[in-house]
C-alpha atoms as a PDB file:
ATOM      1  CA  MET A   1      11.251 -63.250   3.497  1.00  0.00           C
ATOM      2  CA  PHE A   2       8.915 -61.267   5.725  1.00  0.00           C
ATOM      3  CA  ILE A   3      11.820 -59.314   7.181  1.00  0.00           C
ATOM      4  CA  ALA A   4      13.141 -58.609   3.678  1.00  0.00           C
ATOM      5  CA  LEU A   5       9.752 -57.243   2.587  1.00  0.00           C
ATOM      6  CA  LEU A   6       9.609 -54.953   5.605  1.00  0.00           C
ATOM      7  CA  THR A   7      13.078 -53.652   4.802  1.00  0.00           C
ATOM      8  CA  VAL A   8      12.180 -52.929   1.150  1.00  0.00           C
ATOM      9  CA  SER A   9       8.921 -51.221   2.213  1.00  0.00           C
ATOM     10  CA  ALA A  10      10.762 -49.015   4.681  1.00  0.00           C
ATOM     11  CA  LEU A  11      13.278 -47.984   2.031  1.00  0.00           C
ATOM     12  CA  THR A  12      10.494 -47.257  -0.460  1.00  0.00           C
ATOM     13  CA  PHE A  13       8.566 -45.123   2.065  1.00  0.00           C
ATOM     14  CA  THR A  14      11.649 -43.167   2.966  1.00  0.00           C
ATOM     15  CA  ALA A  15      12.521 -42.550  -0.675  1.00  0.00           C
ATOM     16  CA  CYS A  16       9.020 -41.273  -1.482  1.00  0.00           C
ATOM     17  CA  THR A  17       8.717 -38.861   1.433  1.00  0.00           C
ATOM     18  CA  THR A  18      12.191 -37.364   1.605  1.00  0.00           C
ATOM     19  CA  GLU A  19      12.228 -33.980  -0.150  1.00  0.00           C
ATOM     20  CA  ASP A  20      14.694 -31.143  -0.291  1.00  0.00           C
ATOM     21  CA  PRO A  21      13.495 -28.281   1.917  1.00  0.00           C
ATOM     22  CA  GLU A  22      12.146 -25.193   0.181  1.00  0.00           C
ATOM     23  CA  PRO A  23      14.816 -22.464   0.077  1.00  0.00           C
ATOM     24  CA  THR A  24      14.061 -19.665   2.494  1.00  0.00           C
ATOM     25  CA  LYS A  25      13.986 -16.055   1.386  1.00  0.00           C
ATOM     26  CA  PRO A  26      15.506 -13.183   3.306  1.00  0.00           C
ATOM     27  CA  LYS A  27      13.162 -10.986   5.316  1.00  0.00           C
ATOM     28  CA  LEU A  28      12.986  -7.263   4.557  1.00  0.00           C
ATOM     29  CA  ASN A  29      10.961  -4.571   6.326  1.00  0.00           C
ATOM     30  CA  PHE A  30      10.716  -0.802   6.389  1.00  0.00           C
ATOM     31  CA  LEU A  31      11.349   1.084   9.611  1.00  0.00           C
ATOM     32  CA  ALA A  32       8.553   3.363  10.792  1.00  0.00           C
ATOM     33  CA  GLY A  33       8.920   6.433  12.955  1.00  0.00           C
ATOM     34  CA  ASP A  34       9.773  10.127  12.814  1.00  0.00           C
ATOM     35  CA  GLY A  35      11.711  11.050   9.719  1.00  0.00           C
ATOM     36  CA  TYR A  36      11.127   7.714   7.965  1.00  0.00           C
ATOM     37  CA  THR A  37       8.916   6.931   4.986  1.00  0.00           C
ATOM     38  CA  SER A  38       7.504   3.417   5.247  1.00  0.00           C
ATOM     39  CA  THR A  39       4.264   3.485   3.196  1.00  0.00           C
ATOM     40  CA  ASP A  40       3.009   4.811  -0.144  1.00  0.00           C
ATOM     41  CA  GLY A  41       1.876   8.431  -0.077  1.00  0.00           C
ATOM     42  CA  ASP A  42       2.182  12.026  -1.221  1.00  0.00           C
ATOM     43  CA  ILE A  43       5.444  13.954  -1.176  1.00  0.00           C
ATOM     44  CA  VAL A  44       6.268  17.493  -2.305  1.00  0.00           C
ATOM     45  CA  SER A  45       8.125  17.462  -5.624  1.00  0.00           C
ATOM     46  CA  GLY A  46      11.886  17.788  -5.215  1.00  0.00           C
ATOM     47  CA  SER A  47      11.823  16.685  -1.561  1.00  0.00           C
ATOM     48  CA  ASP A  48      14.335  14.431   0.180  1.00  0.00           C
ATOM     49  CA  PHE A  49      13.131  11.189   1.750  1.00  0.00           C
ATOM     50  CA  LYS A  50      14.565   8.554   4.062  1.00  0.00           C
ATOM     51  CA  VAL A  51      13.683   4.852   4.077  1.00  0.00           C
ATOM     52  CA  GLY A  52      14.927   2.647   6.904  1.00  0.00           C
ATOM     53  CA  LEU A  53      15.644  -0.952   5.858  1.00  0.00           C
ATOM     54  CA  THR A  54      15.953  -3.829   8.300  1.00  0.00           C
ATOM     55  CA  ALA A  55      16.720  -7.326   7.017  1.00  0.00           C
ATOM     56  CA  SER A  56      17.506 -10.823   8.277  1.00  0.00           C
ATOM     57  CA  HIS A  57      18.203 -14.287   6.838  1.00  0.00           C
ATOM     58  CA  ASP A  58      19.341 -17.723   7.947  1.00  0.00           C
ATOM     59  CA  SER A  59      22.377 -17.316   5.689  1.00  0.00           C
ATOM     60  CA  LYS A  60      24.316 -14.254   4.610  1.00  0.00           C
ATOM     61  CA  ILE A  61      22.535 -11.553   2.625  1.00  0.00           C
ATOM     62  CA  GLU A  62      24.940 -10.809  -0.171  1.00  0.00           C
ATOM     63  CA  THR A  63      23.492  -7.787  -1.985  1.00  0.00           C
ATOM     64  CA  LEU A  64      21.164  -4.809  -1.765  1.00  0.00           C
ATOM     65  CA  VAL A  65      19.954  -3.353  -5.076  1.00  0.00           C
ATOM     66  CA  VAL A  66      17.792  -0.224  -5.349  1.00  0.00           C
ATOM     67  CA  THR A  67      16.006   0.811  -8.558  1.00  0.00           C
ATOM     68  CA  VAL A  68      13.334   3.374  -9.384  1.00  0.00           C
ATOM     69  CA  SER A  69      10.512   3.692 -11.931  1.00  0.00           C
ATOM     70  CA  TYR A  70       9.528   7.252 -12.843  1.00  0.00           C
ATOM     71  CA  ASP A  71       5.914   7.847 -13.915  1.00  0.00           C
ATOM     72  CA  GLY A  72       5.284   4.208 -14.808  1.00  0.00           C
ATOM     73  CA  GLY A  73       8.483   3.763 -16.828  1.00  0.00           C
ATOM     74  CA  THR A  74      10.964   0.911 -16.661  1.00  0.00           C
ATOM     75  CA  GLN A  75      13.061   0.388 -13.546  1.00  0.00           C
ATOM     76  CA  VAL A  76      16.404   2.174 -13.715  1.00  0.00           C
ATOM     77  CA  SER A  77      19.368   2.705 -11.413  1.00  0.00           C
ATOM     78  CA  PRO A  78      19.175   6.137  -9.772  1.00  0.00           C
ATOM     79  CA  LEU A  79      21.920   8.565 -10.671  1.00  0.00           C
ATOM     80  CA  ASN A  80      24.689   9.294  -8.153  1.00  0.00           C
ATOM     81  CA  CYS A  81      23.522   6.594  -5.732  1.00  0.00           C
ATOM     82  CA  THR A  82      26.393   4.778  -4.014  1.00  0.00           C
ATOM     83  CA  LEU A  83      24.068   2.586  -1.934  1.00  0.00           C
ATOM     84  CA  CYS A  84      21.961   1.371  -4.847  1.00  0.00           C
ATOM     85  CA  ASP A  85      24.167  -1.653  -5.654  1.00  0.00           C
ATOM     86  CA  THR A  86      25.805  -2.695  -2.412  1.00  0.00           C
ATOM     87  CA  THR A  87      27.536  -5.832  -1.145  1.00  0.00           C
ATOM     88  CA  ILE A  88      26.201  -6.613   2.347  1.00  0.00           C
ATOM     89  CA  ASN A  89      27.608 -10.043   3.351  1.00  0.00           C
ATOM     90  CA  LYS A  90      25.712 -10.165   6.662  1.00  0.00           C
ATOM     91  CA  GLU A  91      22.883 -12.257   8.097  1.00  0.00           C
ATOM     92  CA  THR A  92      21.196  -9.161   9.541  1.00  0.00           C
ATOM     93  CA  PHE A  93      21.508  -5.473   8.853  1.00  0.00           C
ATOM     94  CA  THR A  94      19.738  -2.150   9.372  1.00  0.00           C
ATOM     95  CA  ILE A  95      20.500   0.768   7.107  1.00  0.00           C
ATOM     96  CA  ASP A  96      19.063   4.164   6.167  1.00  0.00           C
ATOM     97  CA  PHE A  97      18.552   4.933   2.493  1.00  0.00           C
ATOM     98  CA  MET A  98      18.191   8.598   1.495  1.00  0.00           C
ATOM     99  CA  ASN A  99      17.431  10.166  -1.878  1.00  0.00           C
ATOM    100  CA  THR A 100      15.337  12.857  -3.587  1.00  0.00           C
ATOM    101  CA  VAL A 101      12.168  12.625  -5.685  1.00  0.00           C
ATOM    102  CA  GLU A 102      11.911  14.348  -9.048  1.00  0.00           C
ATOM    103  CA  ASN A 103      11.042  18.026  -8.985  1.00  0.00           C
ATOM    104  CA  LYS A 104       7.763  17.875 -10.912  1.00  0.00           C
ATOM    105  CA  PRO A 105       4.260  16.516 -10.331  1.00  0.00           C
ATOM    106  CA  GLY A 106       3.888  12.806 -11.066  1.00  0.00           C
ATOM    107  CA  ASN A 107       4.745   9.543  -9.348  1.00  0.00           C
ATOM    108  CA  GLU A 108       7.707   7.259  -8.816  1.00  0.00           C
ATOM    109  CA  THR A 109       8.197   3.827  -7.253  1.00  0.00           C
ATOM    110  CA  TRP A 110      11.396   2.806  -5.451  1.00  0.00           C
ATOM    111  CA  PHE A 111      12.260  -0.910  -5.318  1.00  0.00           C
ATOM    112  CA  PHE A 112      14.536  -2.432  -2.673  1.00  0.00           C
ATOM    113  CA  THR A 113      15.826  -5.963  -3.340  1.00  0.00           C
ATOM    114  CA  ILE A 114      18.028  -8.112  -1.101  1.00  0.00           C
ATOM    115  CA  ALA A 115      19.432 -11.497  -2.161  1.00  0.00           C
ATOM    116  CA  ASP A 116      21.688 -14.281  -0.878  1.00  0.00           C
ATOM    117  CA  LYS A 117      24.471 -15.975  -2.855  1.00  0.00           C
ATOM    118  CA  ASP A 118      22.013 -18.530  -4.290  1.00  0.00           C
ATOM    119  CA  GLY A 119      19.731 -15.857  -5.717  1.00  0.00           C
ATOM    120  CA  ASN A 120      16.948 -16.171  -3.138  1.00  0.00           C
ATOM    121  CA  SER A 121      15.598 -12.644  -2.982  1.00  0.00           C
ATOM    122  CA  THR A 122      12.960 -10.387  -1.485  1.00  0.00           C
ATOM    123  CA  THR A 123      11.735  -7.071  -2.916  1.00  0.00           C
ATOM    124  CA  LYS A 124       9.698  -4.345  -1.262  1.00  0.00           C
ATOM    125  CA  SER A 125       8.648  -1.045  -2.808  1.00  0.00           C
ATOM    126  CA  ILE A 126       7.367   2.406  -1.921  1.00  0.00           C
ATOM    127  CA  THR A 127       5.411   4.635  -4.327  1.00  0.00           C
ATOM    128  CA  PHE A 128       5.551   8.410  -4.020  1.00  0.00           C
ATOM    129  CA  ASN A 129       2.871  10.671  -5.459  1.00  0.00           C
ATOM    130  CA  ARG A 130       4.801  13.846  -6.235  1.00  0.00           C
ATOM    131  CA  THR A 131       2.870  17.050  -5.650  1.00  0.00           C
ATOM    132  CA  ALA A 132       3.990  20.641  -5.832  1.00  0.00           C
ATOM    133  CA  LEU A 133       3.609  23.068  -2.964  1.00  0.00           C
ATOM    134  CA  PRO A 134       0.243  24.784  -3.384  1.00  0.00           C
ATOM    135  CA  LYS A 135       0.549  28.334  -4.622  1.00  0.00           C
ATOM    136  CA  ALA A 136      -1.790  31.258  -4.704  1.00  0.00           C
ATOM    137  CA  VAL A 137      -4.153  31.184  -7.661  1.00  0.00           C
ATOM    138  CA  ARG A 138      -5.833  33.709  -9.852  1.00  0.00           C
ATOM    139  CA  LYS A 139      -9.176  33.366 -11.583  1.00  0.00           C
ATOM    140  CA  ILE A 140      -9.608  34.899 -14.997  1.00  0.00           C
ATOM    141  CA  ASP A 141     -12.962  35.673 -16.610  1.00  0.00           C
ATOM    142  CA  ILE A 142     -12.990  34.798 -20.312  1.00  0.00           C
ATOM    143  CA  THR A 143     -15.681  35.003 -22.976  1.00  0.00           C
ATOM    144  CA  LEU A 144     -15.328  32.965 -26.150  1.00  0.00           C
ATOM    145  CA  GLY A 145     -17.421  33.112 -29.287  1.00  0.00           C
ATOM    146  CA  ASN A 146     -18.168  30.027 -31.344  1.00  0.00           C
ATOM    147  CA  GLN A 147     -16.211  29.089 -34.457  1.00  0.00           C
ATOM    148  CA  LYS A 148     -18.581  31.078 -36.704  1.00  0.00           C
ATOM    149  CA  SER A 149     -18.296  34.326 -34.740  1.00  0.00           C
ATOM    150  CA  SER A 150     -16.749  37.250 -36.582  1.00  0.00           C
ATOM    151  CA  ASN A 151     -16.248  39.531 -33.567  1.00  0.00           C
ATOM    152  CA  VAL A 152     -15.641  37.297 -30.497  1.00  0.00           C
ATOM    153  CA  GLY A 153     -12.715  34.916 -30.758  1.00  0.00           C
ATOM    154  CA  SER A 154     -13.232  31.201 -30.317  1.00  0.00           C
ATOM    155  CA  THR A 155      -9.592  30.235 -29.675  1.00  0.00           C
ATOM    156  CA  LEU A 156      -7.689  30.565 -26.396  1.00  0.00           C
ATOM    157  CA  ASN A 157      -3.964  31.082 -25.899  1.00  0.00           C
ATOM    158  CA  MET A 158      -3.310  29.533 -22.455  1.00  0.00           C
ATOM    159  CA  THR A 159       0.014  31.293 -22.007  1.00  0.00           C
ATOM    160  CA  ASP A 160      -1.383  34.823 -21.730  1.00  0.00           C
ATOM    161  CA  MET A 161      -5.097  33.845 -21.725  1.00  0.00           C
ATOM    162  CA  SER A 162      -5.766  35.936 -24.806  1.00  0.00           C
ATOM    163  CA  VAL A 163      -8.831  35.263 -26.963  1.00  0.00           C
ATOM    164  CA  ASN A 164      -8.188  35.003 -30.696  1.00  0.00           C
ATOM    165  CA  LEU A 165     -10.316  35.093 -33.799  1.00  0.00           C
ATOM    166  CA  LEU A 166      -9.608  32.204 -36.148  1.00  0.00           C
ATOM    167  CA  SER A 167      -7.564  34.326 -38.568  1.00  0.00           C
ATOM    168  CA  ALA A 168      -5.229  35.422 -35.758  1.00  0.00           C
ATOM    169  CA  ALA A 169      -5.158  31.898 -34.312  1.00  0.00           C
ATOM    170  CA  ARG A 170      -4.057  30.468 -37.642  1.00  0.00           C
ATOM    171  CA  ALA A 171      -1.218  33.010 -37.843  1.00  0.00           C
ATOM    172  CA  SER A 172      -0.006  32.136 -34.316  1.00  0.00           C
ATOM    173  CA  ALA A 173      -0.900  28.456 -34.350  1.00  0.00           C
ATOM    174  CA  ALA A 174       1.948  27.357 -32.051  1.00  0.00           C
ATOM    175  CA  MET A 175       0.412  29.373 -29.196  1.00  0.00           C
ATOM    176  CA  MET A 176      -3.187  28.205 -29.579  1.00  0.00           C
ATOM    177  CA  ASP A 177      -4.407  25.669 -27.007  1.00  0.00           C
ATOM    178  CA  LEU A 178      -8.206  25.462 -26.814  1.00  0.00           C
ATOM    179  CA  ILE A 179     -11.022  26.049 -29.294  1.00  0.00           C
ATOM    180  CA  TYR A 180     -14.747  26.471 -28.604  1.00  0.00           C
ATOM    181  CA  VAL A 181     -17.071  24.869 -31.146  1.00  0.00           C
ATOM    182  CA  VAL A 182     -20.872  24.722 -31.421  1.00  0.00           C
ATOM    183  CA  ASP A 183     -22.238  22.016 -33.709  1.00  0.00           C
ATOM    184  CA  ASP A 184     -25.312  22.139 -35.932  1.00  0.00           C
ATOM    185  CA  ASN A 185     -27.457  20.742 -33.093  1.00  0.00           C
ATOM    186  CA  GLY A 186     -26.448  23.547 -30.718  1.00  0.00           C
ATOM    187  CA  SER A 187     -24.196  21.346 -28.548  1.00  0.00           C
ATOM    188  CA  SER A 188     -21.061  22.973 -27.155  1.00  0.00           C
ATOM    189  CA  TYR A 189     -17.557  21.489 -27.221  1.00  0.00           C
ATOM    190  CA  PHE A 190     -13.986  22.239 -26.218  1.00  0.00           C
ATOM    191  CA  GLY A 191     -11.349  20.828 -28.543  1.00  0.00           C
ATOM    192  CA  ALA A 192      -7.618  20.803 -29.134  1.00  0.00           C
ATOM    193  CA  PRO A 193      -6.312  22.210 -32.417  1.00  0.00           C
ATOM    194  CA  SER A 194      -5.024  18.686 -33.151  1.00  0.00           C
ATOM    195  CA  SER A 195      -8.451  17.101 -32.706  1.00  0.00           C
ATOM    196  CA  ASP A 196      -9.998  15.489 -35.794  1.00  0.00           C
ATOM    197  CA  ASP A 197     -13.378  16.788 -34.615  1.00  0.00           C
ATOM    198  CA  VAL A 198     -12.078  20.361 -34.530  1.00  0.00           C
ATOM    199  CA  ASN A 199     -10.562  19.888 -37.973  1.00  0.00           C
ATOM    200  CA  ALA A 200     -13.952  18.761 -39.289  1.00  0.00           C
ATOM    201  CA  PHE A 201     -15.409  22.156 -38.327  1.00  0.00           C
ATOM    202  CA  LEU A 202     -12.440  24.484 -38.851  1.00  0.00           C
ATOM    203  CA  LYS A 203     -10.025  22.767 -41.241  1.00  0.00           C
ATOM    204  CA  THR A 204      -7.059  23.155 -38.908  1.00  0.00           C
ATOM    205  CA  SER A 205      -5.110  20.459 -40.762  1.00  0.00           C
ATOM    206  CA  ASP A 206      -3.170  23.144 -42.655  1.00  0.00           C
ATOM    207  CA  TRP A 207      -2.161  25.071 -39.511  1.00  0.00           C
ATOM    208  CA  SER A 208       1.613  25.307 -39.071  1.00  0.00           C
ATOM    209  CA  ALA A 209       1.206  23.747 -35.598  1.00  0.00           C
ATOM    210  CA  ARG A 210      -1.698  21.858 -34.036  1.00  0.00           C
ATOM    211  CA  ASN A 211      -1.244  21.619 -30.283  1.00  0.00           C
ATOM    212  CA  ALA A 212      -2.522  18.379 -28.720  1.00  0.00           C
ATOM    213  CA  THR A 213      -4.150  19.921 -25.654  1.00  0.00           C
ATOM    214  CA  LYS A 214      -5.613  17.336 -23.252  1.00  0.00           C
ATOM    215  CA  ILE A 215      -9.040  17.749 -21.655  1.00  0.00           C
ATOM    216  CA  ARG A 216     -10.793  15.881 -18.855  1.00  0.00           C
ATOM    217  CA  MET A 217     -14.110  16.428 -17.085  1.00  0.00           C
ATOM    218  CA  THR A 218     -13.735  16.607 -13.279  1.00  0.00           C
ATOM    219  CA  ASN A 219     -16.100  15.842 -10.413  1.00  0.00           C
ATOM    220  CA  LEU A 220     -15.541  19.279  -8.888  1.00  0.00           C
ATOM    221  CA  THR A 221     -18.644  21.306  -8.146  1.00  0.00           C
ATOM    222  CA  VAL A 222     -19.088  24.976  -8.905  1.00  0.00           C
ATOM    223  CA  GLY A 223     -19.131  25.640  -5.135  1.00  0.00           C
ATOM    224  CA  LYS A 224     -15.846  23.788  -4.653  1.00  0.00           C
ATOM    225  CA  PHE A 225     -14.294  25.671  -7.536  1.00  0.00           C
ATOM    226  CA  SER A 226     -15.464  29.028  -6.193  1.00  0.00           C
ATOM    227  CA  ALA A 227     -13.985  28.268  -2.752  1.00  0.00           C
ATOM    228  CA  MET A 228     -10.478  27.526  -4.044  1.00  0.00           C
ATOM    229  CA  THR A 229      -7.854  29.937  -2.742  1.00  0.00           C
ATOM    230  CA  ASP A 230      -4.713  27.981  -3.632  1.00  0.00           C
ATOM    231  CA  SER A 231      -3.657  25.417  -6.201  1.00  0.00           C
ATOM    232  CA  LYS A 232      -4.074  22.309  -4.032  1.00  0.00           C
ATOM    233  CA  GLU A 233      -7.034  20.933  -6.002  1.00  0.00           C
ATOM    234  CA  LEU A 234      -5.529  21.999  -9.327  1.00  0.00           C
ATOM    235  CA  LEU A 235      -2.325  20.079  -8.536  1.00  0.00           C
ATOM    236  CA  ALA A 236      -4.361  17.093  -7.376  1.00  0.00           C
ATOM    237  CA  GLU A 237      -6.192  17.036 -10.707  1.00  0.00           C
ATOM    238  CA  PHE A 238      -2.862  17.289 -12.543  1.00  0.00           C
ATOM    239  CA  THR A 239      -1.386  14.399 -10.567  1.00  0.00           C
ATOM    240  CA  SER A 240      -4.298  12.019 -10.050  1.00  0.00           C
ATOM    241  CA  SER A 241      -5.199  11.167 -13.623  1.00  0.00           C
ATOM    242  CA  ALA A 242      -3.813  12.579 -16.830  1.00  0.00           C
ATOM    243  CA  ALA A 243      -6.272  14.201 -19.194  1.00  0.00           C
ATOM    244  CA  THR A 244      -6.545  12.157 -22.360  1.00  0.00           C
ATOM    245  CA  THR A 245      -9.347  13.414 -24.610  1.00  0.00           C
ATOM    246  CA  GLN A 246      -9.048  16.187 -27.161  1.00  0.00           C
ATOM    247  CA  TRP A 247     -12.779  16.759 -27.668  1.00  0.00           C
ATOM    248  CA  GLN A 248     -15.223  17.250 -24.806  1.00  0.00           C
ATOM    249  CA  GLU A 249     -18.917  18.151 -24.829  1.00  0.00           C
ATOM    250  CA  ILE A 250     -19.618  20.777 -22.177  1.00  0.00           C
ATOM    251  CA  LYS A 251     -22.494  22.528 -20.455  1.00  0.00           C
ATOM    252  CA  SER A 252     -23.028  25.253 -17.882  1.00  0.00           C
ATOM    253  CA  GLY A 253     -21.715  24.255 -14.435  1.00  0.00           C
ATOM    254  CA  ASP A 254     -19.018  21.885 -15.713  1.00  0.00           C
ATOM    255  CA  VAL A 255     -15.498  22.144 -14.302  1.00  0.00           C
ATOM    256  CA  ILE A 256     -12.897  20.818 -16.751  1.00  0.00           C
ATOM    257  CA  PHE A 257      -9.187  20.164 -16.308  1.00  0.00           C
ATOM    258  CA  VAL A 258      -7.191  21.404 -19.302  1.00  0.00           C
ATOM    259  CA  ASN A 259      -3.525  20.602 -19.889  1.00  0.00           C
ATOM    260  CA  PRO A 260      -2.030  22.461 -22.867  1.00  0.00           C
ATOM    261  CA  VAL A 261       1.176  21.331 -24.534  1.00  0.00           C
ATOM    262  CA  SER A 262       2.282  24.653 -25.983  1.00  0.00           C
ATOM    263  CA  ALA A 263       5.685  25.643 -24.646  1.00  0.00           C
ATOM    264  CA  THR A 264       4.474  28.033 -21.947  1.00  0.00           C
ATOM    265  CA  GLY A 265       0.793  27.126 -21.674  1.00  0.00           C
ATOM    266  CA  LYS A 266      -0.612  26.903 -18.142  1.00  0.00           C
ATOM    267  CA  PHE A 267      -2.598  23.871 -17.020  1.00  0.00           C
ATOM    268  CA  ALA A 268      -5.880  25.045 -15.553  1.00  0.00           C
ATOM    269  CA  LEU A 269      -9.298  24.318 -14.158  1.00  0.00           C
ATOM    270  CA  VAL A 270     -11.991  25.820 -16.364  1.00  0.00           C
ATOM    271  CA  LYS A 271     -15.482  26.463 -15.002  1.00  0.00           C
ATOM    272  CA  VAL A 272     -18.260  26.930 -17.539  1.00  0.00           C
ATOM    273  CA  SER A 273     -20.190  29.831 -16.038  1.00  0.00           C
ATOM    274  CA  SER A 274     -22.844  30.127 -18.734  1.00  0.00           C
ATOM    275  CA  ILE A 275     -23.569  29.552 -22.398  1.00  0.00           C
ATOM    276  CA  GLY A 276     -25.420  32.402 -24.110  1.00  0.00           C
ATOM    277  CA  VAL A 277     -28.248  32.211 -26.610  1.00  0.00           C
ATOM    278  CA  ASP A 278     -25.819  33.786 -29.091  1.00  0.00           C
ATOM    279  CA  ASP A 279     -23.539  30.757 -28.576  1.00  0.00           C
ATOM    280  CA  THR A 280     -20.917  32.716 -26.689  1.00  0.00           C
ATOM    281  CA  ILE A 281     -19.539  31.003 -23.582  1.00  0.00           C
ATOM    282  CA  SER A 282     -18.493  32.600 -20.285  1.00  0.00           C
ATOM    283  CA  LEU A 283     -15.624  30.900 -18.453  1.00  0.00           C
ATOM    284  CA  GLU A 284     -13.765  31.324 -15.207  1.00  0.00           C
ATOM    285  CA  ILE A 285     -10.249  29.935 -15.464  1.00  0.00           C
ATOM    286  CA  LEU A 286      -8.153  29.057 -12.410  1.00  0.00           C
ATOM    287  CA  VAL A 287      -4.360  28.946 -12.763  1.00  0.00           C
ATOM    288  CA  GLU A 288      -1.419  29.204 -10.404  1.00  0.00           C
ATOM    289  CA  ASP A 289      -0.374  32.792  -9.812  1.00  0.00           C
ATOM    290  CA  GLU A 290       2.987  33.799 -11.208  1.00  0.00           C
END
C-alpha cells in the first residue's frame, strides 16, 4: 500500500508541474552604422532612407511585412514596395530595406514585422520627423488697424501679405486669413475668419468663405526671432505641434505661429512689435523666401 501511495503521489506531482513551454518569438534588430537609420529622428522631406534588418529564430521565420503610418493615420502598405510582404523561410537573415519619406513636413512611422508559421511575431518601428530644407527667409513689416478702423485695414491676406479693410476683405473672403480685433476692454486678439469670436465682432457668418486659419503661441523670444536668417525654426514650429486655436489674445513681444488654409497662404511666424494707443498693431512677419 505504501508503495502504491508513493506511485500515485509521483504521478500527481508530475501532472501538476508539467507545462507546455512558452512559444518563443523571433528576434529582430536594426543595423547601425554609416548609411543606416536605426533610431527615431529628423529627416529632410522627400529623402531616401535605408534600414538594415537582422533577425533570428529557433524555427524558420516565414514572413516579413512592412507597413507605414503617415501623420498618425492607420497603418497601410507602402506603394510600389516589393519587399513589404515577403516570404523569408529562414532561421536567420539580414536584409536592407530602402524607401522614401513623403515630400512634405510631418511625421511617419515604419513598422517591420517578422513571424513564424505559427504566428509568433515581433515588430519594431522607426519614426521619422519630416522637415524641409531650411530656406532663406524674408521679414515683412505690417501695420493693422482694429476692426473699427476706417482707414487702416484689420484683415491680412497671407498670400501677398496685403492689408485689407473689412469691405474689401468681405469681397475677397477666400483670400483672407487673419483678422485683428480689439475688444471693449482694450484687449487685442488675432482670429480666423471662421472663428465664432471673430463673428461676434464682425458678423463674418455671411462671408462667401471663412478660412479656418490656425494660431498657436510659441516660446520664441523677440531676440531669437530677430536672429533668424533661415526657415529652420519656422519649419520646426510647423512640424513640432500643429496650431489648433482660431482665437488668440496677444500682446507686444509675443511670437505667434500662424498656419493659414487659403489655397496659397504662407505659414509664418508673427512677432508683435508694438500695439499703439490708437489700437493699431505693428507686426514683423517671417516667411520663407520665394
